[in-house]
């Protein structure tokens, strides 16, 4: 893959997700949940942050799948997996791997990383991802990522890969 091809693929993926009305609505709902949480719900509803973390996983799952579909990544990954010992790899399984990878890269590292970076600027103590000894109170970041993974799995089950839906319509 050349660098120019890479940038064309990135542009195509960004355009496909940025123009998808459903994904934009999902993102707006996520933003609304988080703003409501910051304003008052995080303080008055115990563990309300589970809701935005679940929805964040769901939304990132959909964005990752849509971006990968725009550059035809699912079939290419399925072929690579079949060639490297995962003989029963399908496009659907490749889609799940891409959804999960997208969430873990963006959701796991980005969200939790930005919380660590910006917490000092906004005057709050970041949630520890893991600290030793591990207790229920100091593994909130890990629980947040786990809840996001559940959101990824829910999106995968509820909203099937679009090209497979298209294939069923034409079959």
N, C-alpha and C. Protein backbone atom coordinates (compact mmCIF):
# COMPACT_ATOMS: atom_id res chain seq x y z
N UNK A 1 0.85 -1.17 0.00
CA UNK A 1 0.00 0.00 0.00
C UNK A 1 0.90 1.24 0.00
N UNK A 2 0.62 2.13 -0.92
CA UNK A 2 1.39 3.36 -0.99
C UNK A 2 0.82 4.39 -0.03
N UNK A 3 1.61 5.42 0.23
CA UNK A 3 1.18 6.46 1.14
C UNK A 3 -0.01 7.23 0.55
N UNK A 4 0.01 7.47 -0.75
CA UNK A 4 -1.11 8.18 -1.36
C UNK A 4 -2.39 7.34 -1.30
N UNK A 5 -2.27 6.04 -1.49
CA UNK A 5 -3.43 5.16 -1.38
C UNK A 5 -3.97 5.17 0.05
N UNK A 6 -3.06 5.16 1.02
CA UNK A 6 -3.46 5.22 2.42
C UNK A 6 -4.27 6.48 2.70
N UNK A 7 -3.78 7.62 2.25
CA UNK A 7 -4.48 8.88 2.49
C UNK A 7 -5.82 8.94 1.76
N UNK A 8 -5.90 8.35 0.58
CA UNK A 8 -7.18 8.28 -0.13
C UNK A 8 -8.17 7.42 0.64
N UNK A 9 -7.69 6.30 1.19
CA UNK A 9 -8.56 5.43 2.00
C UNK A 9 -9.04 6.14 3.26
N UNK A 10 -8.14 6.87 3.90
CA UNK A 10 -8.51 7.61 5.10
C UNK A 10 -9.57 8.66 4.75
N UNK A 11 -9.36 9.38 3.67
CA UNK A 11 -10.33 10.39 3.24
C UNK A 11 -11.69 9.76 2.95
N UNK A 12 -11.68 8.63 2.28
CA UNK A 12 -12.92 7.93 1.97
C UNK A 12 -13.64 7.47 3.24
N UNK A 13 -12.89 6.95 4.20
CA UNK A 13 -13.47 6.48 5.46
C UNK A 13 -14.04 7.65 6.26
N UNK A 14 -13.32 8.75 6.31
CA UNK A 14 -13.79 9.92 7.05
C UNK A 14 -15.05 10.48 6.41
N UNK A 15 -15.06 10.60 5.09
CA UNK A 15 -16.25 11.12 4.41
C UNK A 15 -17.46 10.22 4.60
N UNK A 16 -17.25 8.91 4.56
CA UNK A 16 -18.39 7.99 4.71
C UNK A 16 -19.01 8.07 6.10
N UNK A 17 -18.19 8.29 7.11
CA UNK A 17 -18.73 8.38 8.47
C UNK A 17 -19.26 9.77 8.78
N UNK A 18 -18.60 10.79 8.26
CA UNK A 18 -19.00 12.16 8.55
C UNK A 18 -20.31 12.55 7.87
N UNK A 19 -20.69 11.82 6.84
CA UNK A 19 -21.93 12.14 6.13
C UNK A 19 -23.08 11.20 6.46
N UNK A 20 -22.85 10.26 7.36
CA UNK A 20 -23.88 9.30 7.73
C UNK A 20 -24.76 9.90 8.83
N UNK A 21 -26.01 10.17 8.52
CA UNK A 21 -26.92 10.85 9.47
C UNK A 21 -27.13 10.04 10.74
N UNK A 22 -27.23 8.72 10.60
CA UNK A 22 -27.44 7.87 11.78
C UNK A 22 -26.24 7.98 12.72
N UNK A 23 -25.04 7.94 12.18
CA UNK A 23 -23.85 8.02 13.02
C UNK A 23 -23.74 9.39 13.69
N UNK A 24 -24.13 10.44 12.99
CA UNK A 24 -24.09 11.78 13.56
C UNK A 24 -25.11 11.88 14.70
N UNK A 25 -26.30 11.30 14.51
CA UNK A 25 -27.29 11.30 15.59
C UNK A 25 -26.80 10.51 16.81
N UNK A 26 -26.16 9.38 16.55
CA UNK A 26 -25.58 8.59 17.65
C UNK A 26 -24.55 9.42 18.42
N UNK A 27 -23.71 10.14 17.68
CA UNK A 27 -22.69 10.97 18.32
C UNK A 27 -23.32 12.10 19.13
N UNK A 28 -24.38 12.70 18.61
CA UNK A 28 -25.07 13.77 19.33
C UNK A 28 -25.71 13.24 20.62
N UNK A 29 -26.28 12.03 20.55
CA UNK A 29 -26.85 11.42 21.76
C UNK A 29 -25.75 11.16 22.78
N UNK A 30 -24.60 10.67 22.33
CA UNK A 30 -23.48 10.45 23.24
C UNK A 30 -23.05 11.76 23.89
N UNK A 31 -22.95 12.80 23.10
CA UNK A 31 -22.56 14.11 23.63
C UNK A 31 -23.58 14.61 24.65
N UNK A 32 -24.87 14.45 24.34
CA UNK A 32 -25.93 14.88 25.27
C UNK A 32 -25.85 14.10 26.58
N UNK A 33 -25.65 12.78 26.50
CA UNK A 33 -25.53 11.97 27.72
C UNK A 33 -24.36 12.44 28.57
N UNK A 34 -23.25 12.72 27.93
CA UNK A 34 -22.06 13.14 28.68
C UNK A 34 -22.25 14.53 29.28
N UNK A 35 -22.83 15.44 28.52
CA UNK A 35 -23.07 16.80 29.05
C UNK A 35 -24.03 16.75 30.23
N UNK A 36 -25.11 15.98 30.10
CA UNK A 36 -26.04 15.83 31.23
C UNK A 36 -25.35 15.21 32.44
N UNK A 37 -24.47 14.27 32.14
CA UNK A 37 -23.72 13.65 33.23
C UNK A 37 -22.83 14.65 33.94
N UNK A 38 -22.08 15.43 33.17
CA UNK A 38 -21.19 16.42 33.77
C UNK A 38 -21.98 17.47 34.54
N UNK A 39 -23.10 17.90 33.98
CA UNK A 39 -23.89 18.95 34.63
C UNK A 39 -24.49 18.50 35.96
N UNK A 40 -25.04 17.27 35.99
CA UNK A 40 -25.65 16.85 37.26
C UNK A 40 -25.81 15.35 37.44
N UNK A 41 -25.96 14.57 36.39
CA UNK A 41 -26.28 13.15 36.57
C UNK A 41 -25.14 12.34 37.19
N UNK A 42 -23.88 12.66 36.87
CA UNK A 42 -22.78 11.92 37.48
C UNK A 42 -22.77 12.08 38.99
N UNK A 43 -23.24 13.24 39.46
CA UNK A 43 -23.25 13.50 40.90
C UNK A 43 -24.44 12.88 41.62
N UNK A 44 -25.59 12.79 40.93
CA UNK A 44 -26.79 12.33 41.65
C UNK A 44 -27.18 10.89 41.34
N UNK A 45 -26.72 10.33 40.23
CA UNK A 45 -27.06 8.95 39.88
C UNK A 45 -25.79 8.10 40.01
N UNK A 46 -25.80 7.20 40.96
CA UNK A 46 -24.64 6.35 41.18
C UNK A 46 -24.32 5.55 39.92
N UNK A 47 -23.09 5.60 39.52
CA UNK A 47 -22.58 4.87 38.37
C UNK A 47 -23.29 5.21 37.05
N UNK A 48 -23.77 6.44 36.91
CA UNK A 48 -24.38 6.86 35.63
C UNK A 48 -23.38 6.78 34.50
N UNK A 49 -22.08 6.87 34.80
CA UNK A 49 -21.09 6.83 33.73
C UNK A 49 -21.11 5.52 32.95
N UNK A 50 -21.77 4.50 33.47
CA UNK A 50 -21.91 3.25 32.72
C UNK A 50 -22.70 3.49 31.44
N UNK A 51 -23.71 4.35 31.48
CA UNK A 51 -24.55 4.61 30.31
C UNK A 51 -23.74 5.25 29.18
N UNK A 52 -23.02 6.36 29.42
CA UNK A 52 -22.24 6.92 28.31
C UNK A 52 -21.10 6.01 27.86
N UNK A 53 -20.51 5.23 28.76
CA UNK A 53 -19.44 4.32 28.34
C UNK A 53 -19.99 3.21 27.46
N UNK A 54 -21.15 2.68 27.81
CA UNK A 54 -21.79 1.67 26.95
C UNK A 54 -22.10 2.28 25.58
N UNK A 55 -22.71 3.47 25.58
CA UNK A 55 -23.10 4.10 24.32
C UNK A 55 -21.87 4.50 23.52
N UNK A 56 -20.78 4.88 24.18
CA UNK A 56 -19.53 5.20 23.50
C UNK A 56 -19.02 3.98 22.75
N UNK A 57 -19.06 2.81 23.40
CA UNK A 57 -18.66 1.58 22.73
C UNK A 57 -19.55 1.27 21.54
N UNK A 58 -20.84 1.46 21.72
CA UNK A 58 -21.81 1.22 20.64
C UNK A 58 -21.52 2.14 19.45
N UNK A 59 -21.35 3.42 19.73
CA UNK A 59 -21.13 4.42 18.68
C UNK A 59 -19.80 4.16 17.97
N UNK A 60 -18.73 3.93 18.73
CA UNK A 60 -17.44 3.68 18.10
C UNK A 60 -17.45 2.39 17.29
N UNK A 61 -18.22 1.42 17.73
CA UNK A 61 -18.36 0.19 16.97
C UNK A 61 -18.97 0.47 15.60
N UNK A 62 -20.02 1.27 15.60
CA UNK A 62 -20.68 1.62 14.34
C UNK A 62 -19.78 2.46 13.45
N UNK A 63 -19.08 3.43 14.03
CA UNK A 63 -18.17 4.28 13.25
C UNK A 63 -17.04 3.44 12.67
N UNK A 64 -16.47 2.54 13.47
CA UNK A 64 -15.37 1.71 12.99
C UNK A 64 -15.81 0.81 11.85
N UNK A 65 -16.99 0.20 11.99
CA UNK A 65 -17.50 -0.68 10.96
C UNK A 65 -17.76 0.09 9.66
N UNK A 66 -18.37 1.26 9.78
CA UNK A 66 -18.69 2.07 8.61
C UNK A 66 -17.41 2.55 7.91
N UNK A 67 -16.43 2.99 8.67
CA UNK A 67 -15.17 3.44 8.09
C UNK A 67 -14.45 2.29 7.40
N UNK A 68 -14.44 1.12 8.04
CA UNK A 68 -13.78 -0.05 7.44
C UNK A 68 -14.51 -0.49 6.18
N UNK A 69 -15.83 -0.41 6.20
CA UNK A 69 -16.61 -0.80 5.02
C UNK A 69 -16.33 0.13 3.85
N UNK A 70 -16.11 1.41 4.13
CA UNK A 70 -15.86 2.39 3.08
C UNK A 70 -14.60 2.06 2.27
N UNK A 71 -13.64 1.42 2.91
CA UNK A 71 -12.40 1.06 2.21
C UNK A 71 -12.30 -0.45 1.99
N UNK A 72 -13.44 -1.15 2.14
CA UNK A 72 -13.51 -2.58 1.85
C UNK A 72 -12.55 -3.40 2.72
N UNK A 73 -12.43 -3.01 3.97
CA UNK A 73 -11.46 -3.64 4.86
C UNK A 73 -11.92 -4.99 5.40
N UNK A 74 -13.22 -5.17 5.64
CA UNK A 74 -13.69 -6.44 6.20
C UNK A 74 -13.34 -7.64 5.31
N UNK A 75 -13.64 -7.60 4.00
CA UNK A 75 -13.28 -8.75 3.17
C UNK A 75 -11.77 -8.97 3.09
N UNK A 76 -11.00 -7.89 3.06
CA UNK A 76 -9.54 -8.04 3.00
C UNK A 76 -9.00 -8.66 4.28
N UNK A 77 -9.54 -8.24 5.43
CA UNK A 77 -9.10 -8.82 6.70
C UNK A 77 -9.52 -10.29 6.79
N UNK A 78 -10.73 -10.60 6.36
CA UNK A 78 -11.19 -12.00 6.40
C UNK A 78 -10.27 -12.89 5.58
N UNK A 79 -9.85 -12.42 4.42
CA UNK A 79 -8.94 -13.19 3.57
C UNK A 79 -7.59 -13.38 4.27
N UNK A 80 -7.08 -12.32 4.87
CA UNK A 80 -5.79 -12.42 5.60
C UNK A 80 -5.90 -13.39 6.76
N UNK A 81 -7.01 -13.33 7.50
CA UNK A 81 -7.19 -14.24 8.63
C UNK A 81 -7.28 -15.69 8.17
N UNK A 82 -7.97 -15.92 7.05
CA UNK A 82 -8.07 -17.28 6.51
C UNK A 82 -6.71 -17.81 6.08
N UNK A 83 -5.86 -16.93 5.60
CA UNK A 83 -4.51 -17.33 5.18
C UNK A 83 -3.57 -17.55 6.35
N UNK A 84 -3.95 -17.09 7.53
CA UNK A 84 -3.09 -17.20 8.71
C UNK A 84 -3.78 -17.96 9.83
N UNK A 85 -4.21 -19.14 9.57
CA UNK A 85 -4.69 -20.12 10.56
C UNK A 85 -6.10 -19.92 11.10
N UNK A 86 -6.81 -18.88 10.74
CA UNK A 86 -8.19 -18.75 11.17
C UNK A 86 -9.06 -19.13 9.97
N UNK A 87 -9.13 -20.43 9.71
CA UNK A 87 -9.73 -20.95 8.48
C UNK A 87 -11.20 -20.62 8.33
N UNK A 88 -11.93 -20.49 9.42
CA UNK A 88 -13.36 -20.20 9.33
C UNK A 88 -13.67 -18.71 9.48
N UNK A 89 -12.67 -17.86 9.21
CA UNK A 89 -12.89 -16.41 9.29
C UNK A 89 -13.84 -15.98 8.18
N UNK A 90 -14.82 -15.19 8.55
CA UNK A 90 -15.78 -14.67 7.58
C UNK A 90 -15.72 -13.15 7.60
N UNK A 91 -16.39 -12.55 6.67
CA UNK A 91 -16.46 -11.09 6.62
C UNK A 91 -17.12 -10.57 7.90
N UNK A 92 -18.11 -11.28 8.38
CA UNK A 92 -18.81 -10.87 9.62
C UNK A 92 -17.87 -10.92 10.83
N UNK A 93 -17.08 -11.97 10.93
CA UNK A 93 -16.12 -12.07 12.03
C UNK A 93 -15.05 -10.99 11.91
N UNK A 94 -14.62 -10.72 10.70
CA UNK A 94 -13.64 -9.65 10.48
C UNK A 94 -14.23 -8.31 10.89
N UNK A 95 -15.52 -8.11 10.62
CA UNK A 95 -16.18 -6.88 11.03
C UNK A 95 -16.14 -6.73 12.55
N UNK A 96 -16.38 -7.81 13.29
CA UNK A 96 -16.33 -7.73 14.75
C UNK A 96 -14.92 -7.39 15.23
N UNK A 97 -13.91 -8.01 14.62
CA UNK A 97 -12.52 -7.72 14.99
C UNK A 97 -12.21 -6.24 14.76
N UNK A 98 -12.67 -5.69 13.64
CA UNK A 98 -12.42 -4.28 13.34
C UNK A 98 -13.19 -3.35 14.28
N UNK A 99 -14.42 -3.73 14.61
CA UNK A 99 -15.20 -2.93 15.57
C UNK A 99 -14.49 -2.90 16.92
N UNK A 100 -14.08 -4.05 17.39
CA UNK A 100 -13.42 -4.15 18.69
C UNK A 100 -12.09 -3.41 18.68
N UNK A 101 -11.32 -3.56 17.63
CA UNK A 101 -10.03 -2.87 17.52
C UNK A 101 -10.24 -1.36 17.48
N UNK A 102 -11.22 -0.91 16.71
CA UNK A 102 -11.51 0.52 16.65
C UNK A 102 -11.88 1.07 18.01
N UNK A 103 -12.71 0.34 18.75
CA UNK A 103 -13.09 0.81 20.08
C UNK A 103 -11.89 0.82 21.03
N UNK A 104 -11.12 -0.26 21.04
CA UNK A 104 -10.01 -0.33 21.98
C UNK A 104 -8.96 0.75 21.69
N UNK A 105 -8.71 1.02 20.42
CA UNK A 105 -7.74 2.06 20.08
C UNK A 105 -8.27 3.45 20.42
N UNK A 106 -9.49 3.73 20.01
CA UNK A 106 -10.04 5.07 20.22
C UNK A 106 -10.64 5.19 21.61
N UNK A 107 -11.47 4.24 21.99
CA UNK A 107 -12.15 4.32 23.28
C UNK A 107 -11.25 4.03 24.45
N UNK A 108 -10.50 2.96 24.34
CA UNK A 108 -9.65 2.58 25.47
C UNK A 108 -8.51 3.54 25.68
N UNK A 109 -7.74 3.77 24.64
CA UNK A 109 -6.58 4.64 24.79
C UNK A 109 -6.96 6.12 24.76
N UNK A 110 -7.80 6.52 23.84
CA UNK A 110 -8.10 7.94 23.67
C UNK A 110 -8.92 8.48 24.84
N UNK A 111 -10.08 7.88 25.11
CA UNK A 111 -10.96 8.39 26.17
C UNK A 111 -10.23 8.40 27.51
N UNK A 112 -9.72 7.25 27.89
CA UNK A 112 -9.06 7.17 29.20
C UNK A 112 -7.78 8.00 29.22
N UNK A 113 -7.08 8.06 28.10
CA UNK A 113 -5.88 8.89 28.02
C UNK A 113 -6.19 10.36 28.14
N UNK A 114 -7.22 10.81 27.45
CA UNK A 114 -7.61 12.22 27.53
C UNK A 114 -8.10 12.59 28.92
N UNK A 115 -8.73 11.63 29.58
CA UNK A 115 -9.16 11.87 30.96
C UNK A 115 -7.95 12.13 31.84
N UNK A 116 -6.89 11.36 31.63
CA UNK A 116 -5.67 11.58 32.40
C UNK A 116 -5.01 12.91 32.06
N UNK A 117 -4.94 13.23 30.76
CA UNK A 117 -4.27 14.45 30.31
C UNK A 117 -4.99 15.70 30.77
N UNK A 118 -6.32 15.74 30.60
CA UNK A 118 -7.06 16.97 30.85
C UNK A 118 -7.64 17.11 32.25
N UNK A 119 -7.54 16.08 33.06
CA UNK A 119 -8.14 16.17 34.39
C UNK A 119 -7.55 17.31 35.21
N UNK A 120 -6.25 17.53 35.09
CA UNK A 120 -5.62 18.62 35.83
C UNK A 120 -6.11 19.99 35.40
N UNK A 121 -6.40 20.14 34.12
CA UNK A 121 -6.88 21.43 33.61
C UNK A 121 -8.29 21.76 34.10
N UNK A 122 -9.08 20.72 34.34
CA UNK A 122 -10.46 20.95 34.75
C UNK A 122 -10.67 20.71 36.25
N UNK A 123 -9.60 20.42 36.95
CA UNK A 123 -9.66 20.33 38.41
C UNK A 123 -10.35 19.11 38.97
N UNK A 124 -10.26 17.98 38.28
CA UNK A 124 -10.81 16.75 38.87
C UNK A 124 -9.76 15.66 38.84
N UNK A 125 -9.94 14.71 39.72
CA UNK A 125 -9.03 13.58 39.82
C UNK A 125 -9.43 12.52 38.81
N UNK A 126 -8.53 12.10 37.91
CA UNK A 126 -8.90 11.07 36.94
C UNK A 126 -9.14 9.73 37.62
N UNK A 127 -10.02 8.93 37.00
CA UNK A 127 -10.23 7.58 37.50
C UNK A 127 -8.99 6.76 37.20
N UNK A 128 -8.51 6.00 38.17
CA UNK A 128 -7.35 5.15 37.88
C UNK A 128 -7.78 3.99 36.98
N UNK A 129 -6.93 3.65 36.02
CA UNK A 129 -7.25 2.50 35.18
C UNK A 129 -7.03 1.23 35.99
N UNK A 130 -5.86 1.10 36.53
CA UNK A 130 -5.53 0.05 37.50
C UNK A 130 -4.51 0.63 38.45
N UNK A 131 -4.62 0.34 39.69
CA UNK A 131 -3.62 0.71 40.67
C UNK A 131 -3.51 -0.46 41.63
N UNK A 132 -2.34 -0.65 42.17
CA UNK A 132 -2.15 -1.78 43.05
C UNK A 132 -2.19 -1.33 44.49
N UNK A 133 -2.80 -2.06 45.38
CA UNK A 133 -3.54 -3.29 45.13
C UNK A 133 -4.87 -2.98 44.45
N UNK A 134 -5.29 -3.89 43.59
CA UNK A 134 -6.53 -3.71 42.85
C UNK A 134 -7.72 -3.88 43.79
N UNK A 135 -8.56 -2.85 43.83
CA UNK A 135 -9.79 -2.89 44.61
C UNK A 135 -10.91 -2.38 43.71
N UNK A 136 -12.14 -2.48 44.17
CA UNK A 136 -13.26 -2.00 43.37
C UNK A 136 -13.18 -0.49 43.13
N UNK A 137 -12.63 0.24 44.07
CA UNK A 137 -12.59 1.70 43.92
C UNK A 137 -11.51 2.19 42.98
N UNK A 138 -10.49 1.40 42.70
CA UNK A 138 -9.41 1.91 41.85
C UNK A 138 -9.32 1.24 40.48
N UNK A 139 -10.37 0.57 40.07
CA UNK A 139 -10.34 -0.02 38.74
C UNK A 139 -11.49 0.50 37.87
N UNK A 140 -11.93 1.71 38.14
CA UNK A 140 -13.04 2.29 37.40
C UNK A 140 -12.74 2.41 35.91
N UNK A 141 -11.53 2.79 35.56
CA UNK A 141 -11.17 2.92 34.14
C UNK A 141 -11.29 1.59 33.42
N UNK A 142 -10.84 0.53 34.05
CA UNK A 142 -10.93 -0.80 33.44
C UNK A 142 -12.40 -1.22 33.28
N UNK A 143 -13.21 -0.91 34.26
CA UNK A 143 -14.65 -1.22 34.18
C UNK A 143 -15.28 -0.40 33.05
N UNK A 144 -14.87 0.87 32.91
CA UNK A 144 -15.40 1.71 31.83
C UNK A 144 -15.11 1.10 30.47
N UNK A 145 -13.88 0.62 30.27
CA UNK A 145 -13.51 0.01 28.99
C UNK A 145 -14.29 -1.29 28.80
N UNK A 146 -14.46 -2.08 29.84
CA UNK A 146 -15.23 -3.32 29.74
C UNK A 146 -16.68 -3.04 29.35
N UNK A 147 -17.29 -2.01 29.95
CA UNK A 147 -18.66 -1.64 29.60
C UNK A 147 -18.72 -1.20 28.14
N UNK A 148 -17.69 -0.49 27.67
CA UNK A 148 -17.62 -0.10 26.26
C UNK A 148 -17.54 -1.30 25.35
N UNK A 149 -16.81 -2.32 25.75
CA UNK A 149 -16.72 -3.55 24.95
C UNK A 149 -18.08 -4.22 24.86
N UNK A 150 -18.85 -4.17 25.93
CA UNK A 150 -20.22 -4.69 25.88
C UNK A 150 -21.05 -3.89 24.87
N UNK A 151 -20.83 -2.57 24.82
CA UNK A 151 -21.50 -1.73 23.83
C UNK A 151 -21.11 -2.11 22.41
N UNK A 152 -19.84 -2.43 22.20
CA UNK A 152 -19.36 -2.90 20.89
C UNK A 152 -20.10 -4.17 20.49
N UNK A 153 -20.16 -5.12 21.41
CA UNK A 153 -20.82 -6.39 21.13
C UNK A 153 -22.31 -6.18 20.85
N UNK A 154 -22.95 -5.30 21.60
CA UNK A 154 -24.37 -5.01 21.36
C UNK A 154 -24.59 -4.42 19.98
N UNK A 155 -23.74 -3.49 19.57
CA UNK A 155 -23.87 -2.89 18.24
C UNK A 155 -23.66 -3.94 17.16
N UNK A 156 -22.70 -4.83 17.37
CA UNK A 156 -22.42 -5.89 16.41
C UNK A 156 -23.64 -6.80 16.22
N UNK A 157 -24.32 -7.10 17.31
CA UNK A 157 -25.48 -7.99 17.25
C UNK A 157 -26.71 -7.25 16.71
N UNK A 158 -26.93 -6.02 17.17
CA UNK A 158 -28.14 -5.28 16.81
C UNK A 158 -28.08 -4.71 15.40
N UNK A 159 -26.95 -4.18 15.02
CA UNK A 159 -26.83 -3.51 13.73
C UNK A 159 -25.85 -4.27 12.85
N UNK A 160 -26.33 -5.24 12.10
CA UNK A 160 -25.42 -6.07 11.30
C UNK A 160 -24.70 -5.27 10.23
N UNK A 161 -23.55 -5.76 9.86
CA UNK A 161 -22.70 -5.19 8.83
C UNK A 161 -23.56 -4.88 7.60
N UNK A 162 -23.54 -3.63 7.15
CA UNK A 162 -24.47 -3.15 6.13
C UNK A 162 -24.41 -3.90 4.81
N UNK A 163 -23.22 -4.28 4.37
CA UNK A 163 -23.15 -4.96 3.08
C UNK A 163 -23.79 -6.35 3.16
N UNK A 164 -23.78 -6.97 4.34
CA UNK A 164 -24.45 -8.26 4.47
C UNK A 164 -25.96 -8.09 4.39
N UNK A 165 -26.46 -6.99 4.92
CA UNK A 165 -27.89 -6.70 4.81
C UNK A 165 -28.23 -6.47 3.35
N UNK A 166 -27.37 -5.73 2.65
CA UNK A 166 -27.59 -5.49 1.22
C UNK A 166 -27.58 -6.81 0.44
N UNK A 167 -26.65 -7.72 0.78
CA UNK A 167 -26.57 -9.01 0.11
C UNK A 167 -27.86 -9.80 0.30
N UNK A 168 -28.43 -9.76 1.51
CA UNK A 168 -29.67 -10.49 1.79
C UNK A 168 -30.83 -9.92 0.99
N UNK A 169 -30.83 -8.61 0.79
CA UNK A 169 -31.91 -7.98 0.03
C UNK A 169 -31.89 -8.40 -1.43
N UNK A 170 -30.68 -8.62 -1.96
CA UNK A 170 -30.56 -8.95 -3.37
C UNK A 170 -30.55 -10.44 -3.63
N UNK A 171 -30.48 -11.25 -2.58
CA UNK A 171 -30.43 -12.71 -2.76
C UNK A 171 -31.81 -13.26 -3.07
